[in-house]
């Protein structure tokens, strides 16, 4: 079974920016923030800060982190983990880029 789905084009995500993808998976609507770093790494994270549920998609991307716009928690885009001293984790999703297309794995 192929569990990779094409979600967007790489060029549709600004560097140090984000694009929202809403997917119906496991009978739930999942709002996923797909981030692009300045070095063109792509990361997908559930669009909800583990602190108070702030929209990570509206945060500032710097390096491999995003800063939540509500309370300035920093979330590692690769792992979803909050940067110390904060504790918590946002769900992450595997991504890949092939021929300028961005794919997401839900499994």
PDB file of N, CA and C in Angstrom:
ATOM      1  N   UNK A   1       0.839  -1.179   0.000  1.00  0.00           N
ATOM      2  CA  UNK A   1       0.000   0.000   0.000  1.00  0.00           C
ATOM      3  C   UNK A   1       0.891   1.253   0.000  1.00  0.00           C
ATOM      4  N   UNK A   2       0.576   2.196  -0.865  1.00  0.00           N
ATOM      5  CA  UNK A   2       1.329   3.437  -0.940  1.00  0.00           C
ATOM      6  C   UNK A   2       0.691   4.455  -0.004  1.00  0.00           C
ATOM      7  N   UNK A   3       1.361   4.785   1.073  1.00  0.00           N
ATOM      8  CA  UNK A   3       0.785   5.715   2.041  1.00  0.00           C
ATOM      9  C   UNK A   3       1.336   7.130   1.886  1.00  0.00           C
ATOM     10  N   UNK A   4       2.073   7.405   0.801  1.00  0.00           N
ATOM     11  CA  UNK A   4       2.544   8.755   0.495  1.00  0.00           C
ATOM     12  C   UNK A   4       1.505   9.454  -0.372  1.00  0.00           C
ATOM     13  N   UNK A   5       1.157  10.685  -0.013  1.00  0.00           N
ATOM     14  CA  UNK A   5       0.223  11.453  -0.837  1.00  0.00           C
ATOM     15  C   UNK A   5       0.859  12.791  -1.197  1.00  0.00           C
ATOM     16  N   UNK A   6       0.648  13.208  -2.438  1.00  0.00           N
ATOM     17  CA  UNK A   6       1.157  14.509  -2.853  1.00  0.00           C
ATOM     18  C   UNK A   6       0.262  15.577  -2.254  1.00  0.00           C
ATOM     19  N   UNK A   7       0.885  16.570  -1.617  1.00  0.00           N
ATOM     20  CA  UNK A   7       0.088  17.613  -0.953  1.00  0.00           C
ATOM     21  C   UNK A   7       0.253  18.998  -1.568  1.00  0.00           C
ATOM     22  N   UNK A   8       1.392  19.273  -2.191  1.00  0.00           N
ATOM     23  CA  UNK A   8       1.624  20.594  -2.769  1.00  0.00           C
ATOM     24  C   UNK A   8       2.889  20.547  -3.600  1.00  0.00           C
ATOM     25  N   UNK A   9       3.224  21.668  -4.187  1.00  0.00           N
ATOM     26  CA  UNK A   9       4.493  21.832  -4.879  1.00  0.00           C
ATOM     27  C   UNK A   9       5.460  22.565  -3.959  1.00  0.00           C
ATOM     28  N   UNK A  10       6.734  22.237  -4.059  1.00  0.00           N
ATOM     29  CA  UNK A  10       7.743  22.897  -3.228  1.00  0.00           C
ATOM     30  C   UNK A  10       7.686  24.411  -3.399  1.00  0.00           C
ATOM     31  N   UNK A  11       7.527  24.861  -4.621  1.00  0.00           N
ATOM     32  CA  UNK A  11       7.503  26.307  -4.885  1.00  0.00           C
ATOM     33  C   UNK A  11       6.286  27.008  -4.299  1.00  0.00           C
ATOM     34  N   UNK A  12       5.280  26.256  -3.882  1.00  0.00           N
ATOM     35  CA  UNK A  12       4.092  26.858  -3.272  1.00  0.00           C
ATOM     36  C   UNK A  12       4.268  27.141  -1.780  1.00  0.00           C
ATOM     37  N   UNK A  13       5.395  26.715  -1.219  1.00  0.00           N
ATOM     38  CA  UNK A  13       5.691  26.986   0.193  1.00  0.00           C
ATOM     39  C   UNK A  13       6.841  27.982   0.229  1.00  0.00           C
ATOM     40  N   UNK A  14       6.622  29.162   0.777  1.00  0.00           N
ATOM     41  CA  UNK A  14       7.717  30.143   0.813  1.00  0.00           C
ATOM     42  C   UNK A  14       8.834  29.699   1.752  1.00  0.00           C
ATOM     43  N   UNK A  15      10.068  30.061   1.414  1.00  0.00           N
ATOM     44  CA  UNK A  15      11.185  29.774   2.329  1.00  0.00           C
ATOM     45  C   UNK A  15      10.922  30.480   3.652  1.00  0.00           C
ATOM     46  N   UNK A  16      11.197  29.765   4.735  1.00  0.00           N
ATOM     47  CA  UNK A  16      10.938  30.227   6.100  1.00  0.00           C
ATOM     48  C   UNK A  16       9.456  30.547   6.278  1.00  0.00           C
ATOM     49  N   UNK A  17       8.627  29.769   5.605  1.00  0.00           N
ATOM     50  CA  UNK A  17       7.189  29.956   5.685  1.00  0.00           C
ATOM     51  C   UNK A  17       6.467  28.635   5.815  1.00  0.00           C
ATOM     52  N   UNK A  18       5.166  28.703   5.600  1.00  0.00           N
ATOM     53  CA  UNK A  18       4.318  27.555   5.879  1.00  0.00           C
ATOM     54  C   UNK A  18       3.123  27.533   4.930  1.00  0.00           C
ATOM     55  N   UNK A  19       2.596  26.355   4.747  1.00  0.00           N
ATOM     56  CA  UNK A  19       1.339  26.170   4.032  1.00  0.00           C
ATOM     57  C   UNK A  19       0.509  25.178   4.846  1.00  0.00           C
ATOM     58  N   UNK A  20      -0.786  25.424   4.944  1.00  0.00           N
ATOM     59  CA  UNK A  20      -1.684  24.540   5.688  1.00  0.00           C
ATOM     60  C   UNK A  20      -2.281  23.508   4.748  1.00  0.00           C
ATOM     61  N   UNK A  21      -2.336  22.278   5.223  1.00  0.00           N
ATOM     62  CA  UNK A  21      -2.992  21.192   4.501  1.00  0.00           C
ATOM     63  C   UNK A  21      -4.021  20.592   5.455  1.00  0.00           C
ATOM     64  N   UNK A  22      -5.247  20.460   4.995  1.00  0.00           N
ATOM     65  CA  UNK A  22      -6.278  19.815   5.811  1.00  0.00           C
ATOM     66  C   UNK A  22      -6.616  18.480   5.171  1.00  0.00           C
ATOM     67  N   UNK A  23      -6.458  17.419   5.953  1.00  0.00           N
ATOM     68  CA  UNK A  23      -6.686  16.073   5.455  1.00  0.00           C
ATOM     69  C   UNK A  23      -7.664  15.327   6.352  1.00  0.00           C
ATOM     70  N   UNK A  24      -8.559  14.608   5.728  1.00  0.00           N
ATOM     71  CA  UNK A  24      -9.471  13.739   6.459  1.00  0.00           C
ATOM     72  C   UNK A  24      -8.793  12.377   6.552  1.00  0.00           C
ATOM     73  N   UNK A  25      -8.371  12.012   7.754  1.00  0.00           N
ATOM     74  CA  UNK A  25      -7.638  10.762   7.967  1.00  0.00           C
ATOM     75  C   UNK A  25      -8.111  10.134   9.267  1.00  0.00           C
ATOM     76  N   UNK A  26      -8.403   8.854   9.227  1.00  0.00           N
ATOM     77  CA  UNK A  26      -8.887   8.127  10.404  1.00  0.00           C
ATOM     78  C   UNK A  26     -10.138   8.793  10.975  1.00  0.00           C
ATOM     79  N   UNK A  27     -11.033   9.225  10.073  1.00  0.00           N
ATOM     80  CA  UNK A  27     -12.299   9.858  10.450  1.00  0.00           C
ATOM     81  C   UNK A  27     -12.113  11.131  11.254  1.00  0.00           C
ATOM     82  N   UNK A  28     -10.968  11.793  11.077  1.00  0.00           N
ATOM     83  CA  UNK A  28     -10.705  13.063  11.749  1.00  0.00           C
ATOM     84  C   UNK A  28     -10.143  14.040  10.727  1.00  0.00           C
ATOM     85  N   UNK A  29     -10.509  15.298  10.857  1.00  0.00           N
ATOM     86  CA  UNK A  29      -9.923  16.331  10.016  1.00  0.00           C
ATOM     87  C   UNK A  29      -8.624  16.772  10.672  1.00  0.00           C
ATOM     88  N   UNK A  30      -7.529  16.577   9.975  1.00  0.00           N
ATOM     89  CA  UNK A  30      -6.211  16.927  10.499  1.00  0.00           C
ATOM     90  C   UNK A  30      -5.716  18.192   9.815  1.00  0.00           C
ATOM     91  N   UNK A  31      -5.385  19.189  10.608  1.00  0.00           N
ATOM     92  CA  UNK A  31      -4.823  20.437  10.089  1.00  0.00           C
ATOM     93  C   UNK A  31      -3.317  20.332  10.278  1.00  0.00           C
ATOM     94  N   UNK A  32      -2.600  20.250   9.160  1.00  0.00           N
ATOM     95  CA  UNK A  32      -1.162  20.021   9.189  1.00  0.00           C
ATOM     96  C   UNK A  32      -0.445  21.239   8.618  1.00  0.00           C
ATOM     97  N   UNK A  33       0.538  21.734   9.366  1.00  0.00           N
ATOM     98  CA  UNK A  33       1.361  22.852   8.925  1.00  0.00           C
ATOM     99  C   UNK A  33       2.599  22.279   8.238  1.00  0.00           C
ATOM    100  N   UNK A  34       2.795  22.651   6.992  1.00  0.00           N
ATOM    101  CA  UNK A  34       3.944  22.173   6.216  1.00  0.00           C
ATOM    102  C   UNK A  34       4.916  23.344   6.076  1.00  0.00           C
ATOM    103  N   UNK A  35       6.082  23.196   6.700  1.00  0.00           N
ATOM    104  CA  UNK A  35       7.072  24.264   6.775  1.00  0.00           C
ATOM    105  C   UNK A  35       8.218  24.017   5.801  1.00  0.00           C
ATOM    106  N   UNK A  36       8.790  25.121   5.316  1.00  0.00           N
ATOM    107  CA  UNK A  36       9.986  25.073   4.463  1.00  0.00           C
ATOM    108  C   UNK A  36      11.040  25.954   5.111  1.00  0.00           C
ATOM    109  N   UNK A  37      12.201  25.386   5.368  1.00  0.00           N
ATOM    110  CA  UNK A  37      13.283  26.156   5.973  1.00  0.00           C
ATOM    111  C   UNK A  37      14.042  26.919   4.893  1.00  0.00           C
ATOM    112  N   UNK A  38      14.951  27.767   5.312  1.00  0.00           N
ATOM    113  CA  UNK A  38      15.757  28.545   4.383  1.00  0.00           C
ATOM    114  C   UNK A  38      16.633  27.638   3.521  1.00  0.00           C
ATOM    115  N   UNK A  39      16.929  26.421   4.004  1.00  0.00           N
ATOM    116  CA  UNK A  39      17.739  25.460   3.249  1.00  0.00           C
ATOM    117  C   UNK A  39      16.872  24.439   2.517  1.00  0.00           C
ATOM    118  N   UNK A  40      15.597  24.747   2.367  1.00  0.00           N
ATOM    119  CA  UNK A  40      14.631  23.927   1.608  1.00  0.00           C
ATOM    120  C   UNK A  40      14.299  22.583   2.254  1.00  0.00           C
ATOM    121  N   UNK A  41      14.536  22.449   3.548  1.00  0.00           N
ATOM    122  CA  UNK A  41      14.043  21.257   4.244  1.00  0.00           C
ATOM    123  C   UNK A  41      12.535  21.427   4.428  1.00  0.00           C
ATOM    124  N   UNK A  42      11.799  20.328   4.293  1.00  0.00           N
ATOM    125  CA  UNK A  42      10.353  20.354   4.459  1.00  0.00           C
ATOM    126  C   UNK A  42       9.988  19.532   5.689  1.00  0.00           C
ATOM    127  N   UNK A  43       9.162  20.135   6.551  1.00  0.00           N
ATOM    128  CA  UNK A  43       8.699  19.462   7.766  1.00  0.00           C
ATOM    129  C   UNK A  43       7.191  19.643   7.879  1.00  0.00           C
ATOM    130  N   UNK A  44       6.525  18.610   8.342  1.00  0.00           N
ATOM    131  CA  UNK A  44       5.079  18.684   8.546  1.00  0.00           C
ATOM    132  C   UNK A  44       4.771  18.399  10.011  1.00  0.00           C
ATOM    133  N   UNK A  45       3.993  19.291  10.611  1.00  0.00           N
ATOM    134  CA  UNK A  45       3.685  19.236  12.037  1.00  0.00           C
ATOM    135  C   UNK A  45       2.197  19.520  12.227  1.00  0.00           C
ATOM    136  N   UNK A  46       1.582  18.802  13.149  1.00  0.00           N
ATOM    137  CA  UNK A  46       0.192  19.118  13.504  1.00  0.00           C
ATOM    138  C   UNK A  46       0.140  20.595  13.886  1.00  0.00           C
ATOM    139  N   UNK A  47      -0.823  21.314  13.341  1.00  0.00           N
ATOM    140  CA  UNK A  47      -0.872  22.769  13.509  1.00  0.00           C
ATOM    141  C   UNK A  47      -1.455  23.165  14.868  1.00  0.00           C
ATOM    142  N   UNK A  48      -0.833  22.663  15.913  1.00  0.00           N
ATOM    143  CA  UNK A  48      -1.327  22.941  17.256  1.00  0.00           C
ATOM    144  C   UNK A  48      -0.157  22.859  18.232  1.00  0.00           C
ATOM    145  N   UNK A  49       0.162  23.979  18.854  1.00  0.00           N
ATOM    146  CA  UNK A  49       1.242  23.999  19.828  1.00  0.00           C
ATOM    147  C   UNK A  49       0.872  23.116  21.021  1.00  0.00           C
ATOM    148  N   UNK A  50       1.819  22.327  21.543  1.00  0.00           N
ATOM    149  CA  UNK A  50       1.508  21.475  22.696  1.00  0.00           C
ATOM    150  C   UNK A  50       1.240  22.254  23.983  1.00  0.00           C
ATOM    151  N   UNK A  51       1.540  23.532  24.001  1.00  0.00           N
ATOM    152  CA  UNK A  51       1.333  24.340  25.201  1.00  0.00           C
ATOM    153  C   UNK A  51      -0.140  24.699  25.377  1.00  0.00           C
ATOM    154  N   UNK A  52      -0.662  25.531  24.501  1.00  0.00           N
ATOM    155  CA  UNK A  52      -2.050  25.981  24.620  1.00  0.00           C
ATOM    156  C   UNK A  52      -2.811  25.874  23.301  1.00  0.00           C
ATOM    157  N   UNK A  53      -2.275  25.089  22.373  1.00  0.00           N
ATOM    158  CA  UNK A  53      -2.981  24.866  21.120  1.00  0.00           C
ATOM    159  C   UNK A  53      -2.868  25.981  20.106  1.00  0.00           C
ATOM    160  N   UNK A  54      -1.896  26.846  20.266  1.00  0.00           N
ATOM    161  CA  UNK A  54      -1.712  27.949  19.321  1.00  0.00           C
ATOM    162  C   UNK A  54      -1.409  27.437  17.922  1.00  0.00           C
ATOM    163  N   UNK A  55      -1.729  28.240  16.900  1.00  0.00           N
ATOM    164  CA  UNK A  55      -1.513  27.829  15.510  1.00  0.00           C
ATOM    165  C   UNK A  55      -0.046  27.965  15.112  1.00  0.00           C
ATOM    166  N   UNK A  56       0.674  26.854  15.091  1.00  0.00           N
ATOM    167  CA  UNK A  56       2.090  26.891  14.735  1.00  0.00           C
ATOM    168  C   UNK A  56       2.298  27.447  13.332  1.00  0.00           C
ATOM    169  N   UNK A  57       1.320  27.272  12.463  1.00  0.00           N
ATOM    170  CA  UNK A  57       1.429  27.762  11.084  1.00  0.00           C
ATOM    171  C   UNK A  57       1.581  29.277  11.025  1.00  0.00           C
ATOM    172  N   UNK A  58       1.209  29.965  12.072  1.00  0.00           N
ATOM    173  CA  UNK A  58       1.322  31.425  12.108  1.00  0.00           C
ATOM    174  C   UNK A  58       2.586  31.886  12.838  1.00  0.00           C
ATOM    175  N   UNK A  59       3.425  30.922  13.210  1.00  0.00           N
ATOM    176  CA  UNK A  59       4.655  31.245  13.924  1.00  0.00           C
ATOM    177  C   UNK A  59       5.773  31.668  12.999  1.00  0.00           C
ATOM    178  N   UNK A  60       6.887  32.036  13.604  1.00  0.00           N
ATOM    179  CA  UNK A  60       8.073  32.467  12.862  1.00  0.00           C
ATOM    180  C   UNK A  60       9.033  31.287  12.744  1.00  0.00           C
ATOM    181  N   UNK A  61       9.446  30.987  11.512  1.00  0.00           N
ATOM    182  CA  UNK A  61      10.391  29.902  11.248  1.00  0.00           C
ATOM    183  C   UNK A  61      11.803  30.476  11.306  1.00  0.00           C
ATOM    184  N   UNK A  62      12.665  29.814  12.072  1.00  0.00           N
ATOM    185  CA  UNK A  62      14.064  30.225  12.184  1.00  0.00           C
ATOM    186  C   UNK A  62      14.886  28.977  12.389  1.00  0.00           C
ATOM    187  N   UNK A  63      15.829  28.766  11.475  1.00  0.00           N
ATOM    188  CA  UNK A  63      16.601  27.528  11.514  1.00  0.00           C
ATOM    189  C   UNK A  63      15.658  26.354  11.346  1.00  0.00           C
ATOM    190  N   UNK A  64      15.767  25.374  12.218  1.00  0.00           N
ATOM    191  CA  UNK A  64      14.879  24.217  12.196  1.00  0.00           C
ATOM    192  C   UNK A  64      13.771  24.308  13.223  1.00  0.00           C
ATOM    193  N   UNK A  65      13.440  25.528  13.646  1.00  0.00           N
ATOM    194  CA  UNK A  65      12.430  25.735  14.688  1.00  0.00           C
ATOM    195  C   UNK A  65      11.311  26.634  14.186  1.00  0.00           C
ATOM    196  N   UNK A  66      10.169  26.554  14.872  1.00  0.00           N
ATOM    197  CA  UNK A  66       9.103  27.525  14.694  1.00  0.00           C
ATOM    198  C   UNK A  66       8.745  28.037  16.085  1.00  0.00           C
ATOM    199  N   UNK A  67       8.526  29.348  16.197  1.00  0.00           N
ATOM    200  CA  UNK A  67       8.122  29.941  17.464  1.00  0.00           C
ATOM    201  C   UNK A  67       6.626  30.179  17.436  1.00  0.00           C
ATOM    202  N   UNK A  68       5.924  29.602  18.394  1.00  0.00           N
ATOM    203  CA  UNK A  68       4.472  29.736  18.475  1.00  0.00           C
ATOM    204  C   UNK A  68       4.109  31.212  18.664  1.00  0.00           C
ATOM    205  N   UNK A  69       3.099  31.693  17.942  1.00  0.00           N
ATOM    206  CA  UNK A  69       2.734  33.104  18.043  1.00  0.00           C
ATOM    207  C   UNK A  69       2.031  33.489  19.345  1.00  0.00           C
ATOM    208  N   UNK A  70       1.542  32.520  20.102  1.00  0.00           N
ATOM    209  CA  UNK A  70       0.806  32.858  21.319  1.00  0.00           C
ATOM    210  C   UNK A  70       1.699  33.115  22.524  1.00  0.00           C
ATOM    211  N   UNK A  71       2.602  32.178  22.814  1.00  0.00           N
ATOM    212  CA  UNK A  71       3.401  32.302  24.034  1.00  0.00           C
ATOM    213  C   UNK A  71       4.885  32.065  23.798  1.00  0.00           C
ATOM    214  N   UNK A  72       5.309  32.146  22.545  1.00  0.00           N
ATOM    215  CA  UNK A  72       6.730  32.082  22.164  1.00  0.00           C
ATOM    216  C   UNK A  72       7.424  30.759  22.471  1.00  0.00           C
ATOM    217  N   UNK A  73       6.661  29.674  22.572  1.00  0.00           N
ATOM    218  CA  UNK A  73       7.311  28.370  22.689  1.00  0.00           C
ATOM    219  C   UNK A  73       8.019  28.075  21.377  1.00  0.00           C
ATOM    220  N   UNK A  74       9.193  27.477  21.463  1.00  0.00           N
ATOM    221  CA  UNK A  74       9.935  27.079  20.271  1.00  0.00           C
ATOM    222  C   UNK A  74       9.767  25.570  20.088  1.00  0.00           C
ATOM    223  N   UNK A  75       9.361  25.190  18.876  1.00  0.00           N
ATOM    224  CA  UNK A  75       9.119  23.788  18.550  1.00  0.00           C
ATOM    225  C   UNK A  75      10.111  23.353  17.480  1.00  0.00           C
ATOM    226  N   UNK A  76      10.797  22.246  17.721  1.00  0.00           N
ATOM    227  CA  UNK A  76      11.721  21.674  16.750  1.00  0.00           C
ATOM    228  C   UNK A  76      10.890  21.074  15.616  1.00  0.00           C
ATOM    229  N   UNK A  77      11.095  21.540  14.394  1.00  0.00           N
ATOM    230  CA  UNK A  77      10.280  21.081  13.275  1.00  0.00           C
ATOM    231  C   UNK A  77      10.523  19.613  12.917  1.00  0.00           C
ATOM    232  N   UNK A  78      11.722  19.105  13.155  1.00  0.00           N
ATOM    233  CA  UNK A  78      12.028  17.716  12.817  1.00  0.00           C
ATOM    234  C   UNK A  78      11.401  16.722  13.789  1.00  0.00           C
ATOM    235  N   UNK A  79      11.339  17.095  15.076  1.00  0.00           N
ATOM    236  CA  UNK A  79      10.870  16.153  16.089  1.00  0.00           C
ATOM    237  C   UNK A  79       9.517  16.515  16.689  1.00  0.00           C
ATOM    238  N   UNK A  80       9.133  17.783  16.579  1.00  0.00           N
ATOM    239  CA  UNK A  80       7.909  18.256  17.219  1.00  0.00           C
ATOM    240  C   UNK A  80       8.092  18.595  18.681  1.00  0.00           C
ATOM    241  N   UNK A  81       9.280  18.361  19.216  1.00  0.00           N
ATOM    242  CA  UNK A  81       9.553  18.588  20.638  1.00  0.00           C
ATOM    243  C   UNK A  81       9.714  20.074  20.946  1.00  0.00           C
ATOM    244  N   UNK A  82       9.170  20.487  22.078  1.00  0.00           N
ATOM    245  CA  UNK A  82       9.397  21.836  22.569  1.00  0.00           C
ATOM    246  C   UNK A  82      10.840  21.958  23.030  1.00  0.00           C
ATOM    247  N   UNK A  83      11.425  23.122  22.815  1.00  0.00           N
ATOM    248  CA  UNK A  83      12.801  23.380  23.229  1.00  0.00           C
ATOM    249  C   UNK A  83      12.800  23.711  24.718  1.00  0.00           C
ATOM    250  N   UNK A  84      13.745  23.127  25.450  1.00  0.00           N
ATOM    251  CA  UNK A  84      13.856  23.371  26.894  1.00  0.00           C
ATOM    252  C   UNK A  84      13.985  24.847  27.182  1.00  0.00           C
ATOM    253  N   UNK A  85      13.413  25.332  28.245  1.00  0.00           N
ATOM    254  CA  UNK A  85      12.885  24.613  29.393  1.00  0.00           C
ATOM    255  C   UNK A  85      11.445  24.130  29.218  1.00  0.00           C
ATOM    256  N   UNK A  86      10.818  24.448  28.065  1.00  0.00           N
ATOM    257  CA  UNK A  86       9.436  24.014  27.858  1.00  0.00           C
ATOM    258  C   UNK A  86       9.387  22.529  27.553  1.00  0.00           C
ATOM    259  N   UNK A  87       8.254  21.915  27.858  1.00  0.00           N
ATOM    260  CA  UNK A  87       8.092  20.476  27.643  1.00  0.00           C
ATOM    261  C   UNK A  87       6.780  20.220  26.932  1.00  0.00           C
ATOM    262  N   UNK A  88       6.820  19.343  25.957  1.00  0.00           N
ATOM    263  CA  UNK A  88       5.644  18.980  25.189  1.00  0.00           C
ATOM    264  C   UNK A  88       6.074  18.582  23.795  1.00  0.00           C
ATOM    265  N   UNK A  89       5.141  18.049  23.029  1.00  0.00           N
ATOM    266  CA  UNK A  89       5.477  17.573  21.699  1.00  0.00           C
ATOM    267  C   UNK A  89       4.264  17.690  20.785  1.00  0.00           C
ATOM    268  N   UNK A  90       4.485  18.206  19.589  1.00  0.00           N
ATOM    269  CA  UNK A  90       3.472  18.247  18.541  1.00  0.00           C
ATOM    270  C   UNK A  90       3.726  17.068  17.605  1.00  0.00           C
ATOM    271  N   UNK A  91       2.669  16.478  17.090  1.00  0.00           N
ATOM    272  CA  UNK A  91       2.821  15.338  16.188  1.00  0.00           C
ATOM    273  C   UNK A  91       3.491  15.790  14.887  1.00  0.00           C
ATOM    274  N   UNK A  92       4.421  14.992  14.410  1.00  0.00           N
ATOM    275  CA  UNK A  92       5.084  15.269  13.141  1.00  0.00           C
ATOM    276  C   UNK A  92       4.699  14.196  12.128  1.00  0.00           C
ATOM    277  N   UNK A  93       4.889  14.519  10.868  1.00  0.00           N
ATOM    278  CA  UNK A  93       4.585  13.609   9.765  1.00  0.00           C
ATOM    279  C   UNK A  93       5.794  13.547   8.847  1.00  0.00           C
ATOM    280  N   UNK A  94       6.061  12.378   8.299  1.00  0.00           N
ATOM    281  CA  UNK A  94       7.172  12.204   7.362  1.00  0.00           C
ATOM    282  C   UNK A  94       6.851  12.922   6.055  1.00  0.00           C
ATOM    283  N   UNK A  95       7.867  13.549   5.473  1.00  0.00           N
ATOM    284  CA  UNK A  95       7.713  14.231   4.198  1.00  0.00           C
ATOM    285  C   UNK A  95       8.851  13.831   3.274  1.00  0.00           C
ATOM    286  N   UNK A  96       8.620  14.035   1.990  1.00  0.00           N
ATOM    287  CA  UNK A  96       9.687  13.880   1.005  1.00  0.00           C
ATOM    288  C   UNK A  96       9.359  14.791  -0.169  1.00  0.00           C
ATOM    289  N   UNK A  97      10.409  15.153  -0.902  1.00  0.00           N
ATOM    290  CA  UNK A  97      10.257  15.987  -2.089  1.00  0.00           C
ATOM    291  C   UNK A  97      10.840  15.224  -3.267  1.00  0.00           C
ATOM    292  N   UNK A  98      10.047  15.082  -4.304  1.00  0.00           N
ATOM    293  CA  UNK A  98      10.495  14.432  -5.532  1.00  0.00           C
ATOM    294  C   UNK A  98      10.019  15.265  -6.712  1.00  0.00           C
ATOM    295  N   UNK A  99      10.955  15.635  -7.588  1.00  0.00           N
ATOM    296  CA  UNK A  99      10.624  16.405  -8.788  1.00  0.00           C
ATOM    297  C   UNK A  99       9.813  17.657  -8.466  1.00  0.00           C
ATOM    298  N   UNK A 100      10.144  18.333  -7.359  1.00  0.00           N
ATOM    299  CA  UNK A 100       9.475  19.564  -7.001  1.00  0.00           C
ATOM    300  C   UNK A 100       8.107  19.378  -6.366  1.00  0.00           C
ATOM    301  N   UNK A 101       7.720  18.136  -6.107  1.00  0.00           N
ATOM    302  CA  UNK A 101       6.435  17.850  -5.461  1.00  0.00           C
ATOM    303  C   UNK A 101       6.677  17.404  -4.022  1.00  0.00           C
ATOM    304  N   UNK A 102       5.831  17.894  -3.133  1.00  0.00           N
ATOM    305  CA  UNK A 102       5.950  17.559  -1.709  1.00  0.00           C
ATOM    306  C   UNK A 102       4.941  16.466  -1.378  1.00  0.00           C
ATOM    307  N   UNK A 103       5.454  15.422  -0.723  1.00  0.00           N
ATOM    308  CA  UNK A 103       4.610  14.290  -0.320  1.00  0.00           C
ATOM    309  C   UNK A 103       4.606  14.172   1.199  1.00  0.00           C
ATOM    310  N   UNK A 104       3.511  13.657   1.694  1.00  0.00           N
ATOM    311  CA  UNK A 104       3.307  13.463   3.128  1.00  0.00           C
ATOM    312  C   UNK A 104       2.905  12.011   3.358  1.00  0.00           C
ATOM    313  N   UNK A 105       3.437  11.426   4.417  1.00  0.00           N
ATOM    314  CA  UNK A 105       3.048  10.052   4.785  1.00  0.00           C
ATOM    315  C   UNK A 105       2.216  10.115   6.053  1.00  0.00           C
ATOM    316  N   UNK A 106       1.001   9.595   5.985  1.00  0.00           N
ATOM    317  CA  UNK A 106       0.102   9.647   7.124  1.00  0.00           C
ATOM    318  C   UNK A 106       0.307   8.494   8.096  1.00  0.00           C
ATOM    319  N   UNK A 107       0.857   7.397   7.620  1.00  0.00           N
ATOM    320  CA  UNK A 107       1.001   6.213   8.482  1.00  0.00           C
ATOM    321  C   UNK A 107       1.998   6.451   9.593  1.00  0.00           C
TER     322      UNK A 107
END
